[in-house]
Amino acid sequence: MVTYSLRWPLPPADLGAVYVTLVVHCGIAAADVICCARLGQYSRGENHNEAIDLLRSVDKRLAADLGLLLGMKTKAGYSALPISQEARTKAGRAVERLMDAAKQTG
């Protein structure tokens, strides 16, 4: 069995959609942790913009990272189109920042 870290190296292109879907969900969970720790609440709705806005009240850069990830969610989860190496790299860097910030809250 082959396993991959959310960090480097990136998985091969044929696993790009799986990788991006995973990091999107990790990013959402990290954003929830950050908001709970800093604000005492997290976004419970279906509207992803609400989650981005809530996180923006804590950290604008992290909100941009979450927005980038959520912008990839539909393509990664529901499209047969490949995810480019550049997009996978951006997703990896964004989730890394979110996960690092979530770890620092505890």
Protein backbone atom coordinates (compact mmCIF):
# COMPACT_ATOMS: atom_id res chain seq x y z
CA MET A 1 0.00 0.00 0.00
CA VAL A 2 1.30 3.45 -0.94
CA THR A 3 0.64 6.32 1.45
CA TYR A 4 1.12 10.04 1.01
CA SER A 5 1.66 12.85 3.40
CA LEU A 6 -0.18 16.14 2.99
CA ARG A 7 3.30 17.54 2.73
CA TRP A 8 5.80 16.80 -0.02
CA PRO A 9 6.33 15.05 -2.33
CA LEU A 10 3.09 15.52 -4.21
CA PRO A 11 1.27 12.38 -5.28
CA PRO A 12 1.32 11.51 -8.98
CA ALA A 13 -1.03 13.29 -11.38
CA ASP A 14 -3.46 10.36 -11.55
CA LEU A 15 -4.16 10.85 -7.83
CA GLY A 16 -4.44 14.62 -8.10
CA ALA A 17 -8.20 14.81 -7.58
CA VAL A 18 -8.02 12.47 -4.59
CA TYR A 19 -5.21 14.52 -3.08
CA VAL A 20 -7.00 17.85 -3.58
CA THR A 21 -10.27 16.46 -2.18
CA LEU A 22 -8.37 15.28 0.90
CA VAL A 23 -6.62 18.60 1.47
CA VAL A 24 -9.90 20.51 0.98
CA HIS A 25 -11.51 18.51 3.79
CA CYS A 26 -8.42 18.90 5.98
CA GLY A 27 -8.49 22.64 5.32
CA ILE A 28 -12.15 22.87 6.33
CA ALA A 29 -11.45 20.96 9.55
CA ALA A 30 -8.42 23.13 10.32
CA ALA A 31 -10.47 26.29 9.76
CA ASP A 32 -13.11 24.97 12.18
CA VAL A 33 -10.44 24.32 14.82
CA ILE A 34 -8.97 27.80 14.37
CA CYS A 35 -12.37 29.51 14.59
CA CYS A 36 -13.43 27.47 17.63
CA ALA A 37 -10.20 28.27 19.44
CA ARG A 38 -10.14 31.97 18.58
CA LEU A 39 -13.84 32.84 18.33
CA GLY A 40 -15.68 30.11 20.22
CA GLN A 41 -17.68 29.21 17.12
CA TYR A 42 -17.37 27.70 13.65
CA SER A 43 -19.42 27.86 10.48
CA ARG A 44 -22.14 25.23 10.47
CA GLY A 45 -23.92 26.18 7.26
CA GLU A 46 -23.72 24.87 3.73
CA ASN A 47 -22.51 28.23 2.42
CA HIS A 48 -18.73 28.08 2.19
CA ASN A 49 -18.50 31.86 1.98
CA GLU A 50 -19.72 32.05 5.57
CA ALA A 51 -16.80 29.88 6.68
CA ILE A 52 -14.36 32.05 4.74
CA ASP A 53 -15.84 35.24 6.24
CA LEU A 54 -15.66 33.83 9.76
CA LEU A 55 -12.04 32.78 9.32
CA ARG A 56 -11.26 36.19 7.79
CA SER A 57 -12.16 37.75 11.13
CA VAL A 58 -9.26 35.76 12.60
CA ASP A 59 -6.69 35.88 9.78
CA LYS A 60 -7.04 37.21 6.24
CA ARG A 61 -4.28 35.02 4.80
CA LEU A 62 -5.80 31.85 6.22
CA ALA A 63 -9.21 32.88 4.87
CA ALA A 64 -7.63 33.27 1.42
CA ASP A 65 -6.11 29.79 1.78
CA LEU A 66 -9.49 28.32 2.68
CA GLY A 67 -11.07 30.16 -0.25
CA LEU A 68 -8.47 28.72 -2.61
CA LEU A 69 -9.17 25.20 -1.37
CA LEU A 70 -12.92 25.56 -1.51
CA GLY A 71 -12.61 26.91 -5.03
CA MET A 72 -11.01 23.59 -6.04
CA LYS A 73 -13.58 21.39 -4.31
CA THR A 74 -16.06 20.94 -7.16
CA LYS A 75 -13.46 20.24 -9.84
CA ALA A 76 -11.59 17.78 -7.63
CA GLY A 77 -14.69 15.99 -6.39
CA TYR A 78 -17.00 15.96 -9.38
CA SER A 79 -15.00 16.44 -12.56
CA ALA A 80 -13.01 14.06 -14.69
CA LEU A 81 -10.60 16.86 -15.57
CA PRO A 82 -7.08 16.40 -14.20
CA ILE A 83 -5.74 18.63 -11.46
CA SER A 84 -2.53 20.34 -12.57
CA GLN A 85 0.70 20.07 -10.63
CA GLU A 86 0.54 23.82 -10.02
CA ALA A 87 -2.95 23.50 -8.50
CA ARG A 88 -1.87 20.53 -6.37
CA THR A 89 1.13 22.52 -5.15
CA LYS A 90 -1.02 25.54 -4.27
CA ALA A 91 -3.50 23.31 -2.44
CA GLY A 92 -0.70 21.64 -0.50
CA ARG A 93 0.79 24.94 0.58
CA ALA A 94 -2.61 26.34 1.58
CA VAL A 95 -3.54 23.32 3.69
CA GLU A 96 -0.09 23.30 5.27
CA ARG A 97 -0.60 26.88 6.50
CA LEU A 98 -4.09 26.06 7.78
CA MET A 99 -2.93 22.90 9.55
CA ASP A 100 0.05 24.69 11.10
CA ALA A 101 -2.23 27.45 12.40
CA ALA A 102 -4.69 24.88 13.79
CA LYS A 103 -1.87 23.07 15.61
CA GLN A 104 -0.73 26.35 17.16
CA THR A 105 -4.16 26.96 18.71
CA GLY A 106 -3.81 24.10 21.17
